[in-house]
Amino acid sequence: MRDLAAEVGLAVEDAERELQLATAQFSVAREEPTTSIRMLLESLRSPTDRVRWPRPSIVRRAGATRRRGHTAVGVVAAVAALLVTGTVVTDASGVRPTLARESLTSEPGRGPTRMPDPIELSEDALLPASALTTALVTGTWTVTDTHDNTAEEGELVPCQAARYADVAGADALVREFADAATVRAAYQLAEASRTSAAAKRAYATTASWYAGCRDPRTQLIDTYRVRDVGDQAVLLVLRSWQAPVTTLVVGVARTGAVVTTTMTQAPGSAAGKLGRQAELLGEAITQLCTLPEAGGCAGTPRLMGRAPLPVGADPAMLSEVDLPPVTAVALPWLGSEPRKATTNVAATRCDQASFSGRFEGARFTDSATRTFLVPGAGLPDTFGLTQTVGLLPATRAKAFVETVRSRLTSCPSKDLGTDVLRVARVASPDLDLTAWRLTTEITDAESITYYMAIARVGGAVSQIGFIPTPKVRMADGAFVALARRALARLPELS
């Protein structure tokens, strides 16, 4: 009943009274018992479910526009009538007509008490084109459209997973920009929720769209926390490897009950100056934080690197959004569902690491494995990337990683057909990462090259194995960067 009252703009007791009256009138008019009314109305559900209704705020804005138009016409007509009648109305004592009137006040207790209207976003609260020119320095930006995103599919920008992050929100607006000097584009999306708690959920949903972007061949490059911007803020850099390659810089921030997103989309693999992007997000919050339902405004934005936001079927494991492209293939990666690690395909024949059973008396827990392939690319069965994770007591996990590292070091002397080259090493008391490139001779004329990394954070351990082909492989340094991403996600297992 409280939600119903808020929707129609009445106090709860007034809404209850109106509902009882309407129920009685319906029952009398249809000669049906009141207990049958719900069943009668349910028959309307099927046809109305297929209709997309505008938000209440949109209806209110349209109504307000019509009322202003009608009011303007009425005022003109009233003034004209007053001028005409004023020329014929006279009084011997010199009294003239006047528009002055006593103020009218409603008596207390009369009529329903209306609740405050939900927040409505004004177009004036969105970024002007000049804000992009100022913040980004380069380009000549113009506003190409401002709308409420009710048309077409609603998934307007890359990675957007739904029309609105808060389906029960109070209002929403979108502004689109273009740079006349280049092919760059920019967007601002704003959503107003009915409560700050709902806005927090909308913020988390919005950020997850981009942190776990499901657009094919789109990779998450970096994630930053943005200080001194609203109540919450994050900046993400993504790259779409679909031709032509484009780079997205996405800022998501919340102030009170309002969530806003800024996005710039530029050709190429350069993200530009991220500090400028943070300033643009700060300006967006500055525009919105004057609303009554808003919260914190923006100071001088400060970027701080942070771990990627938890996403995917298992947040402690890699997702498709983490994987870099491979050469000679224009199809996306596809990962299997994580499953219990009864076998470990990520292991090499040098280390033969197992994430099931026990290690030095301690049992592995929360072990899982998943494999990533490129379906439809016609690649050999050996191609693919596998990750396996598991949890041990911290001291046992450290010893487990040291055992794997020791076996890789001694492998060339035990397996004369295998060369091992360490390509990365990061070590501290609480974390550890080592990556290798291995080459094994199959015949005198044929060999196979593959990559393996072992990572640890506390008691959480991850192993990654990647087998390329001579023509389909990752760029130099890409596997090490991927291993670092796996290390960054690993604390979610603890």
Protein backbone atom coordinates (compact mmCIF):
# COMPACT_ATOMS: atom_id res chain seq x y z
CA MET A 1 0.00 0.00 0.00
CA ARG A 2 2.87 2.38 0.75
CA ASP A 3 4.31 1.88 -2.76
CA LEU A 4 0.86 2.32 -4.32
CA ALA A 5 0.35 5.57 -2.39
CA ALA A 6 3.74 6.89 -3.49
CA GLU A 7 2.99 6.02 -7.12
CA VAL A 8 -0.27 8.04 -7.18
CA GLY A 9 1.09 10.80 -4.94
CA LEU A 10 -1.25 10.37 -1.94
CA ALA A 11 -0.72 9.83 1.75
CA VAL A 12 -1.18 6.20 2.81
CA GLU A 13 -4.45 6.82 4.67
CA ASP A 14 -5.88 8.78 1.71
CA ALA A 15 -4.84 6.04 -0.70
CA GLU A 16 -6.54 3.41 1.48
CA ARG A 17 -9.74 5.46 1.56
CA GLU A 18 -9.72 6.00 -2.22
CA LEU A 19 -9.06 2.30 -2.82
CA GLN A 20 -11.98 1.26 -0.60
CA LEU A 21 -14.30 3.70 -2.37
CA ALA A 22 -13.19 2.55 -5.82
CA THR A 23 -13.62 -1.10 -4.82
CA ALA A 24 -17.17 -0.48 -3.64
CA GLN A 25 -18.09 1.47 -6.78
CA PHE A 26 -16.63 -1.22 -9.05
CA SER A 27 -18.51 -3.95 -7.17
CA VAL A 28 -21.83 -2.11 -7.48
CA ALA A 29 -21.34 -1.20 -11.15
CA ARG A 30 -20.33 -4.73 -12.22
CA GLU A 31 -22.61 -6.53 -9.75
CA GLU A 32 -19.65 -8.61 -8.65
CA PRO A 33 -18.47 -9.40 -5.12
CA THR A 34 -15.39 -7.47 -4.04
CA THR A 35 -13.46 -10.75 -3.72
CA SER A 36 -13.75 -11.26 -7.50
CA ILE A 37 -12.31 -7.90 -8.52
CA ARG A 38 -8.69 -9.02 -8.54
CA MET A 39 -9.54 -12.02 -10.74
CA LEU A 40 -11.39 -9.77 -13.20
CA LEU A 41 -8.47 -7.35 -13.43
CA GLU A 42 -5.93 -10.16 -13.86
CA SER A 43 -7.33 -10.79 -17.35
CA LEU A 44 -5.87 -7.41 -18.35
CA ARG A 45 -2.34 -8.42 -17.36
CA SER A 46 -1.44 -10.27 -20.56
CA PRO A 47 -2.21 -7.47 -23.07
CA THR A 48 -0.81 -4.71 -20.83
CA ASP A 49 2.44 -6.58 -20.14
CA ARG A 50 3.32 -6.16 -23.81
CA VAL A 51 2.92 -2.39 -23.61
CA ARG A 52 5.90 -0.29 -22.49
CA TRP A 53 4.49 2.43 -20.26
CA PRO A 54 6.36 5.70 -19.84
CA ARG A 55 7.76 6.53 -16.42
CA PRO A 56 5.46 8.64 -14.18
CA SER A 57 8.00 11.46 -14.35
CA ILE A 58 7.73 11.51 -18.15
CA VAL A 59 3.94 11.72 -17.96
CA ARG A 60 4.23 14.51 -15.38
CA ARG A 61 6.67 16.44 -17.58
CA ALA A 62 4.39 16.09 -20.60
CA GLY A 63 1.40 17.15 -18.52
CA ALA A 64 3.30 20.09 -17.11
CA THR A 65 4.21 21.19 -20.63
CA ARG A 66 0.58 20.99 -21.73
CA ARG A 67 -0.56 22.87 -18.63
CA ARG A 68 1.95 25.64 -19.30
CA GLY A 69 0.68 25.89 -22.86
CA HIS A 70 -2.95 26.00 -21.75
CA THR A 71 -2.10 28.51 -19.04
CA ALA A 72 -0.35 30.78 -21.53
CA VAL A 73 -3.37 30.71 -23.85
CA GLY A 74 -5.70 31.34 -20.90
CA VAL A 75 -3.64 34.28 -19.67
CA VAL A 76 -3.63 35.90 -23.12
CA ALA A 77 -7.40 35.42 -23.41
CA ALA A 78 -8.00 36.79 -19.91
CA VAL A 79 -5.86 39.87 -20.51
CA ALA A 80 -7.63 40.52 -23.80
CA ALA A 81 -11.03 40.20 -22.12
CA LEU A 82 -9.92 42.50 -19.31
CA LEU A 83 -8.77 45.17 -21.74
CA VAL A 84 -12.03 45.02 -23.66
CA THR A 85 -14.26 45.12 -20.58
CA GLY A 86 -12.13 47.82 -18.98
CA THR A 87 -12.95 50.18 -21.82
CA VAL A 88 -16.70 49.90 -21.19
CA VAL A 89 -16.86 49.56 -17.42
CA THR A 90 -16.88 52.95 -15.62
CA ASP A 91 -17.78 54.17 -12.17
CA ALA A 92 -18.92 57.68 -11.22
CA SER A 93 -16.82 57.69 -8.08
CA GLY A 94 -13.68 56.91 -10.07
CA VAL A 95 -13.28 53.32 -8.98
CA ARG A 96 -11.36 51.28 -11.54
CA PRO A 97 -11.16 47.52 -11.99
CA THR A 98 -8.17 45.91 -10.27
CA LEU A 99 -6.44 42.54 -10.39
CA ALA A 100 -5.65 42.70 -6.69
CA ARG A 101 -7.29 39.92 -4.70
CA GLU A 102 -7.17 38.43 -1.27
CA SER A 103 -5.00 35.35 -0.88
CA LEU A 104 -6.93 32.11 -0.69
CA THR A 105 -5.96 29.41 1.76
CA SER A 106 -7.40 25.97 2.03
CA GLU A 107 -8.96 24.95 5.29
CA PRO A 108 -6.94 22.44 7.27
CA GLY A 109 -8.21 18.89 7.12
CA ARG A 110 -10.01 19.38 3.79
CA GLY A 111 -9.07 17.18 0.83
CA PRO A 112 -6.33 14.54 0.53
CA THR A 113 -2.80 15.39 1.65
CA ARG A 114 -0.46 14.92 -1.30
CA MET A 115 2.99 13.51 -0.80
CA PRO A 116 6.03 15.34 -2.25
CA ASP A 117 6.60 14.56 -5.92
CA PRO A 118 9.42 12.12 -6.66
CA ILE A 119 12.65 13.64 -7.89
CA GLU A 120 12.60 14.84 -11.49
CA LEU A 121 15.77 15.39 -13.47
CA SER A 122 16.04 18.61 -15.40
CA GLU A 123 17.92 18.87 -18.67
CA ASP A 124 19.69 21.86 -17.13
CA ALA A 125 21.26 19.48 -14.58
CA LEU A 126 23.14 17.60 -17.32
CA LEU A 127 26.54 18.51 -18.71
CA PRO A 128 26.62 21.22 -21.38
CA ALA A 129 28.83 20.70 -24.44
CA SER A 130 31.24 23.33 -23.13
CA ALA A 131 32.03 21.10 -20.14
CA LEU A 132 33.51 18.46 -22.45
CA THR A 133 35.56 21.03 -24.34
CA THR A 134 36.88 22.41 -21.03
CA ALA A 135 37.58 19.08 -19.34
CA LEU A 136 38.97 17.21 -22.34
CA VAL A 137 40.76 20.28 -23.76
CA THR A 138 40.71 19.04 -27.35
CA GLY A 139 37.80 18.91 -29.77
CA THR A 140 34.70 20.91 -30.59
CA TRP A 141 31.86 19.20 -28.77
CA THR A 142 28.16 19.66 -29.43
CA VAL A 143 25.00 18.17 -27.93
CA THR A 144 23.31 15.95 -30.51
CA ASP A 145 20.35 14.71 -28.45
CA THR A 146 18.80 14.69 -24.97
CA HIS A 147 16.08 12.16 -24.15
CA ASP A 148 14.70 9.78 -21.52
CA ASN A 149 15.83 6.55 -23.25
CA THR A 150 12.34 5.15 -23.74
CA ALA A 151 12.71 4.57 -27.48
CA GLU A 152 13.98 1.44 -29.24
CA GLU A 153 15.87 -1.19 -27.24
CA GLY A 154 17.22 1.13 -24.57
CA GLU A 155 20.76 -0.31 -24.53
CA LEU A 156 22.19 2.89 -25.90
CA VAL A 157 25.90 2.77 -25.09
CA PRO A 158 28.49 -0.02 -25.23
CA CYS A 159 28.30 -2.54 -22.36
CA GLN A 160 24.93 -1.22 -21.13
CA ALA A 161 23.06 -4.35 -20.04
CA ALA A 162 19.57 -2.88 -19.53
CA ARG A 163 17.56 0.25 -20.24
CA TYR A 164 17.77 1.39 -16.60
CA ALA A 165 19.87 0.26 -13.65
CA ASP A 166 16.95 1.03 -11.31
CA VAL A 167 13.79 -0.30 -12.97
CA ALA A 168 11.67 1.32 -10.25
CA GLY A 169 13.52 4.62 -10.45
CA ALA A 170 11.88 8.03 -10.40
CA ASP A 171 13.41 9.54 -13.55
CA ALA A 172 16.15 9.15 -16.15
CA LEU A 173 17.80 11.29 -18.81
CA VAL A 174 20.47 10.69 -21.45
CA ARG A 175 22.54 13.28 -23.28
CA GLU A 176 24.58 12.47 -26.38
CA PHE A 177 27.57 14.47 -27.60
CA ALA A 178 29.73 14.46 -30.73
CA ASP A 179 33.09 15.99 -31.54
CA ALA A 180 32.87 17.67 -34.93
CA ALA A 181 36.65 17.62 -35.36
CA THR A 182 37.02 13.84 -34.91
CA VAL A 183 34.86 10.72 -34.80
CA ARG A 184 34.77 10.75 -31.00
CA ALA A 185 31.46 10.42 -29.17
CA ALA A 186 30.44 10.99 -25.56
CA TYR A 187 27.42 10.28 -23.39
CA GLN A 188 25.98 11.18 -20.03
CA LEU A 189 23.36 8.98 -18.42
CA ALA A 190 21.59 10.03 -15.23
CA GLU A 191 19.10 8.08 -13.12
CA ALA A 192 17.20 9.28 -10.06
CA SER A 193 16.08 6.64 -7.58
CA ARG A 194 13.35 7.04 -4.99
CA THR A 195 15.76 6.50 -2.08
CA SER A 196 19.49 6.69 -1.47
CA ALA A 197 19.50 2.95 -0.71
CA ALA A 198 18.00 2.23 -4.13
CA ALA A 199 20.57 4.57 -5.70
CA LYS A 200 23.40 2.61 -4.05
CA ARG A 201 22.08 -0.54 -5.70
CA ALA A 202 21.73 1.28 -9.03
CA TYR A 203 25.33 2.49 -8.72
CA ALA A 204 26.58 -1.07 -8.13
CA THR A 205 24.51 -2.36 -11.05
CA THR A 206 25.74 0.36 -13.40
CA ALA A 207 29.39 -0.15 -12.46
CA SER A 208 29.03 -3.91 -12.96
CA TRP A 209 27.78 -3.39 -16.53
CA TYR A 210 31.14 -1.95 -17.51
CA ALA A 211 33.38 -3.90 -15.13
CA GLY A 212 31.92 -7.13 -16.51
CA CYS A 213 31.19 -5.88 -20.04
CA ARG A 214 29.65 -8.62 -22.17
CA ASP A 215 30.14 -6.97 -25.54
CA PRO A 216 32.17 -9.33 -27.76
CA ARG A 217 35.93 -8.73 -27.77
CA THR A 218 35.77 -5.93 -25.20
CA GLN A 219 38.56 -5.99 -22.61
CA LEU A 220 38.76 -4.27 -19.23
CA ILE A 221 42.10 -2.45 -19.15
CA ASP A 222 42.15 -0.53 -15.83
CA THR A 223 39.97 0.36 -12.85
CA TYR A 224 40.39 3.42 -10.62
CA ARG A 225 38.73 4.74 -7.50
CA VAL A 226 37.83 8.43 -7.85
CA ARG A 227 38.23 10.42 -4.65
CA ASP A 228 36.33 13.65 -3.84
CA VAL A 229 33.56 13.07 -6.38
CA GLY A 230 30.07 12.61 -4.93
CA ASP A 231 29.37 9.80 -2.47
CA GLN A 232 30.82 7.00 -4.63
CA ALA A 233 32.78 7.09 -7.88
CA VAL A 234 34.80 4.77 -10.11
CA LEU A 235 36.57 5.19 -13.46
CA LEU A 236 37.09 2.30 -15.88
CA VAL A 237 39.06 2.00 -19.12
CA LEU A 238 37.89 -0.59 -21.66
CA ARG A 239 38.97 -1.43 -25.18
CA SER A 240 36.86 -2.90 -27.94
CA TRP A 241 39.03 -4.98 -30.25
CA GLN A 242 36.32 -5.16 -32.89
CA ALA A 243 37.49 -3.33 -36.00
CA PRO A 244 37.94 -0.42 -35.84
CA VAL A 245 39.55 -0.59 -32.39
CA THR A 246 38.02 1.89 -29.93
CA THR A 247 38.80 2.87 -26.35
CA LEU A 248 36.10 3.65 -23.80
CA VAL A 249 36.61 5.66 -20.63
CA VAL A 250 33.63 5.28 -18.31
CA GLY A 251 33.00 7.16 -15.09
CA VAL A 252 30.20 6.13 -12.71
CA ALA A 253 29.32 8.25 -9.68
CA ARG A 254 26.53 8.65 -7.13
CA THR A 255 25.35 11.70 -5.22
CA GLY A 256 22.52 10.94 -2.82
CA ALA A 257 19.65 9.41 -4.81
CA VAL A 258 21.15 10.21 -8.23
CA VAL A 259 23.57 8.05 -10.27
CA THR A 260 25.32 9.39 -13.35
CA THR A 261 27.60 7.86 -15.97
CA THR A 262 29.99 9.67 -18.28
CA MET A 263 31.48 7.87 -21.27
CA THR A 264 33.87 8.93 -24.01
CA GLN A 265 34.44 6.72 -27.03
CA ALA A 266 37.50 7.34 -29.20
CA PRO A 267 39.18 5.44 -32.03
CA GLY A 268 42.48 3.71 -31.35
CA SER A 269 44.08 2.25 -28.25
CA ALA A 270 44.94 5.47 -26.39
CA ALA A 271 42.85 6.36 -23.34
CA GLY A 272 44.08 9.95 -23.17
CA LYS A 273 44.60 11.81 -19.92
CA LEU A 274 42.51 10.03 -17.31
CA GLY A 275 42.75 12.97 -14.92
CA ARG A 276 40.72 14.97 -17.45
CA GLN A 277 38.12 12.21 -17.55
CA ALA A 278 37.89 12.32 -13.74
CA GLU A 279 37.34 16.08 -13.93
CA LEU A 280 34.51 15.51 -16.41
CA LEU A 281 32.86 13.07 -13.99
CA GLY A 282 33.34 15.61 -11.19
CA GLU A 283 31.66 18.30 -13.28
CA ALA A 284 28.71 15.96 -13.92
CA ILE A 285 28.28 15.51 -10.16
CA THR A 286 28.62 19.27 -9.60
CA GLN A 287 25.72 19.83 -12.01
CA LEU A 288 23.54 17.27 -10.21
CA CYS A 289 24.40 17.82 -6.56
CA THR A 290 22.24 20.96 -6.35
CA LEU A 291 19.12 18.80 -6.53
CA PRO A 292 17.29 18.41 -3.18
CA GLU A 293 17.74 14.63 -3.20
CA ALA A 294 21.46 14.79 -4.04
CA GLY A 295 24.31 14.18 -1.63
CA GLY A 296 28.00 15.01 -1.87
CA CYS A 297 29.33 17.34 -4.54
CA ALA A 298 32.77 17.28 -6.16
CA GLY A 299 36.09 18.71 -5.10
CA THR A 300 39.35 18.12 -6.95
CA PRO A 301 39.10 14.56 -8.31
CA ARG A 302 41.94 12.18 -7.42
CA LEU A 303 42.49 8.84 -9.14
CA MET A 304 43.72 5.83 -7.19
CA GLY A 305 44.37 2.43 -8.74
CA ARG A 306 42.26 -0.37 -7.34
CA ALA A 307 41.48 -4.04 -7.94
CA PRO A 308 38.89 -4.74 -10.63
CA LEU A 309 35.30 -4.85 -9.43
CA PRO A 310 34.06 -8.39 -8.66
CA VAL A 311 32.21 -9.79 -11.68
CA GLY A 312 31.49 -13.08 -13.38
CA ALA A 313 30.34 -16.52 -12.32
CA ASP A 314 33.24 -16.73 -9.84
CA PRO A 315 34.62 -13.28 -8.89
CA ALA A 316 37.93 -14.86 -7.80
CA MET A 317 38.55 -16.13 -11.34
CA LEU A 318 39.19 -14.55 -14.71
CA SER A 319 36.26 -13.62 -16.96
CA GLU A 320 36.01 -13.03 -20.70
CA VAL A 321 36.33 -9.29 -20.08
CA ASP A 322 39.86 -9.87 -18.72
CA LEU A 323 41.25 -11.74 -21.72
CA PRO A 324 43.31 -9.98 -24.39
CA PRO A 325 42.78 -10.64 -28.10
CA VAL A 326 44.83 -13.18 -30.02
CA THR A 327 46.33 -12.66 -33.45
CA ALA A 328 44.67 -13.79 -36.68
CA VAL A 329 41.27 -14.33 -34.99
CA ALA A 330 38.36 -11.87 -34.91
CA LEU A 331 36.05 -13.98 -32.73
CA PRO A 332 35.47 -13.60 -28.97
CA TRP A 333 36.67 -15.77 -26.12
CA LEU A 334 34.09 -17.94 -24.39
CA GLY A 335 34.64 -19.41 -20.93
CA SER A 336 33.19 -22.59 -19.49
CA GLU A 337 31.28 -22.49 -16.22
CA PRO A 338 33.59 -22.89 -13.20
CA ARG A 339 33.53 -26.46 -11.86
CA LYS A 340 35.24 -28.35 -9.07
CA ALA A 341 38.92 -28.87 -9.84
CA THR A 342 39.16 -32.66 -9.85
CA THR A 343 41.83 -32.30 -12.55
CA ASN A 344 44.14 -29.39 -13.33
CA VAL A 345 44.58 -28.73 -17.05
CA ALA A 346 46.50 -25.53 -16.25
CA ALA A 347 49.45 -27.58 -14.93
CA THR A 348 52.46 -28.41 -17.08
CA ARG A 349 54.21 -31.76 -17.22
CA CYS A 350 57.04 -30.08 -15.32
CA ASP A 351 55.03 -29.21 -12.19
CA GLN A 352 51.99 -31.53 -12.37
CA ALA A 353 50.29 -29.41 -9.69
CA SER A 354 47.02 -30.69 -8.25
CA PHE A 355 44.31 -28.60 -6.57
CA SER A 356 42.38 -31.59 -5.24
CA GLY A 357 43.07 -33.68 -2.17
CA ARG A 358 45.73 -32.57 0.30
CA PHE A 359 49.06 -30.79 0.26
CA GLU A 360 51.37 -31.39 3.23
CA GLY A 361 48.38 -32.58 5.24
CA ALA A 362 46.13 -29.59 4.46
CA ARG A 363 43.08 -30.10 2.27
CA PHE A 364 42.34 -27.81 -0.68
CA THR A 365 39.00 -26.03 -0.34
CA ASP A 366 36.96 -23.92 -2.76
CA SER A 367 38.92 -25.34 -5.69
CA ALA A 368 37.53 -24.54 -9.13
CA THR A 369 38.67 -24.61 -12.74
CA ARG A 370 37.46 -23.17 -16.03
CA THR A 371 38.70 -23.11 -19.62
CA PHE A 372 38.48 -20.36 -22.25
CA LEU A 373 38.29 -21.15 -25.98
CA VAL A 374 37.50 -19.29 -29.20
CA PRO A 375 34.59 -21.27 -30.69
CA GLY A 376 34.17 -21.21 -34.45
CA ALA A 377 37.76 -20.19 -35.17
CA GLY A 378 38.82 -23.63 -36.42
CA LEU A 379 41.70 -23.82 -33.95
CA PRO A 380 43.35 -27.10 -32.90
CA ASP A 381 42.10 -28.87 -29.78
CA THR A 382 45.30 -27.99 -27.95
CA PHE A 383 44.59 -24.24 -28.14
CA GLY A 384 43.07 -22.58 -25.08
CA LEU A 385 43.56 -21.02 -21.68
CA THR A 386 42.75 -22.71 -18.37
CA GLN A 387 42.69 -21.31 -14.85
CA THR A 388 42.49 -23.32 -11.62
CA VAL A 389 42.12 -21.84 -8.13
CA GLY A 390 42.05 -23.25 -4.62
CA LEU A 391 42.42 -22.31 -0.96
CA LEU A 392 44.96 -23.58 1.58
CA PRO A 393 46.21 -22.30 4.93
CA ALA A 394 48.60 -19.42 4.14
CA THR A 395 51.77 -21.29 5.16
CA ARG A 396 50.80 -24.33 3.08
CA ALA A 397 49.86 -22.13 0.11
CA LYS A 398 53.28 -20.48 0.23
CA ALA A 399 54.97 -23.89 0.30
CA PHE A 400 52.76 -25.12 -2.56
CA VAL A 401 53.82 -22.21 -4.80
CA GLU A 402 57.46 -22.70 -3.86
CA THR A 403 57.19 -26.38 -4.82
CA VAL A 404 55.79 -25.47 -8.26
CA ARG A 405 58.53 -22.90 -8.76
CA SER A 406 61.23 -25.39 -7.73
CA ARG A 407 59.92 -28.01 -10.16
CA LEU A 408 59.97 -25.50 -13.04
CA THR A 409 63.56 -24.54 -12.20
CA SER A 410 64.75 -28.14 -12.29
CA CYS A 411 62.61 -29.22 -15.25
CA PRO A 412 65.17 -28.64 -18.07
CA SER A 413 67.68 -30.94 -16.37
CA LYS A 414 65.07 -33.68 -15.91
CA ASP A 415 63.29 -33.25 -19.25
CA LEU A 416 66.01 -32.58 -21.81
CA GLY A 417 63.46 -31.71 -24.50
CA THR A 418 61.99 -28.80 -22.51
CA ASP A 419 63.30 -25.24 -22.23
CA VAL A 420 61.96 -23.03 -19.42
CA LEU A 421 62.25 -19.24 -19.37
CA ARG A 422 60.94 -17.17 -16.48
CA VAL A 423 59.21 -14.05 -17.86
CA ALA A 424 57.87 -12.40 -14.68
CA ARG A 425 58.28 -12.50 -10.91
CA VAL A 426 56.53 -10.52 -8.16
CA ALA A 427 57.07 -11.45 -4.52
CA SER A 428 56.19 -10.12 -1.07
CA PRO A 429 55.27 -11.79 2.24
CA ASP A 430 51.56 -11.86 1.37
CA LEU A 431 51.54 -12.37 -2.40
CA ASP A 432 53.53 -14.09 -5.08
CA LEU A 433 53.43 -14.28 -8.89
CA THR A 434 55.75 -16.10 -11.29
CA ALA A 435 55.22 -16.67 -15.01
CA TRP A 436 57.17 -18.85 -17.47
CA ARG A 437 57.36 -19.61 -21.17
CA LEU A 438 58.01 -23.28 -21.87
CA THR A 439 59.05 -24.87 -25.17
CA THR A 440 58.94 -28.64 -25.57
CA GLU A 441 60.35 -30.52 -28.54
CA ILE A 442 57.88 -33.04 -29.93
CA THR A 443 60.09 -34.15 -32.83
CA ASP A 444 63.33 -32.90 -34.32
CA ALA A 445 61.29 -30.62 -36.59
CA GLU A 446 58.36 -29.72 -34.34
CA SER A 447 57.99 -28.10 -30.93
CA ILE A 448 55.19 -26.61 -28.84
CA THR A 449 55.35 -23.38 -26.84
CA TYR A 450 53.07 -22.63 -23.93
CA TYR A 451 52.83 -20.28 -20.96
CA MET A 452 52.13 -20.90 -17.30
CA ALA A 453 51.79 -18.67 -14.23
CA ILE A 454 51.33 -19.45 -10.55
CA ALA A 455 49.95 -16.78 -8.19
CA ARG A 456 49.20 -16.56 -4.47
CA VAL A 457 47.49 -14.06 -2.18
CA GLY A 458 47.53 -15.26 1.41
CA GLY A 459 46.16 -18.79 1.24
CA ALA A 460 44.47 -18.38 -2.17
CA VAL A 461 46.36 -19.93 -5.09
CA SER A 462 45.79 -19.65 -8.85
CA GLN A 463 47.46 -21.38 -11.78
CA ILE A 464 47.00 -20.31 -15.41
CA GLY A 465 48.07 -22.23 -18.49
CA PHE A 466 47.87 -20.95 -22.07
CA ILE A 467 48.67 -22.98 -25.18
CA PRO A 468 48.80 -20.86 -28.37
CA THR A 469 49.46 -21.91 -31.95
CA PRO A 470 52.29 -20.56 -34.12
CA LYS A 471 49.87 -18.10 -35.77
CA VAL A 472 47.30 -17.52 -33.02
CA ARG A 473 48.92 -16.10 -29.91
CA MET A 474 48.79 -13.19 -27.47
CA ALA A 475 50.84 -10.05 -28.00
CA ASP A 476 54.14 -9.70 -26.15
CA GLY A 477 53.52 -9.03 -22.48
CA ALA A 478 49.80 -9.82 -22.69
CA PHE A 479 50.05 -13.12 -20.81
CA VAL A 480 51.98 -11.51 -17.95
CA ALA A 481 49.38 -8.71 -17.77
CA LEU A 482 46.66 -11.37 -17.65
CA ALA A 483 48.48 -13.18 -14.81
CA ARG A 484 48.58 -9.89 -12.89
CA ARG A 485 44.83 -9.51 -13.42
CA ALA A 486 44.33 -13.03 -12.03
CA LEU A 487 46.43 -12.03 -9.01
CA ALA A 488 44.24 -8.93 -8.51
CA ARG A 489 41.04 -11.01 -8.56
CA LEU A 490 42.36 -13.77 -6.30
CA PRO A 491 41.55 -12.11 -2.91
CA GLU A 492 37.86 -12.72 -3.66
CA LEU A 493 38.55 -16.40 -2.91
CA SER A 494 39.72 -15.75 0.65
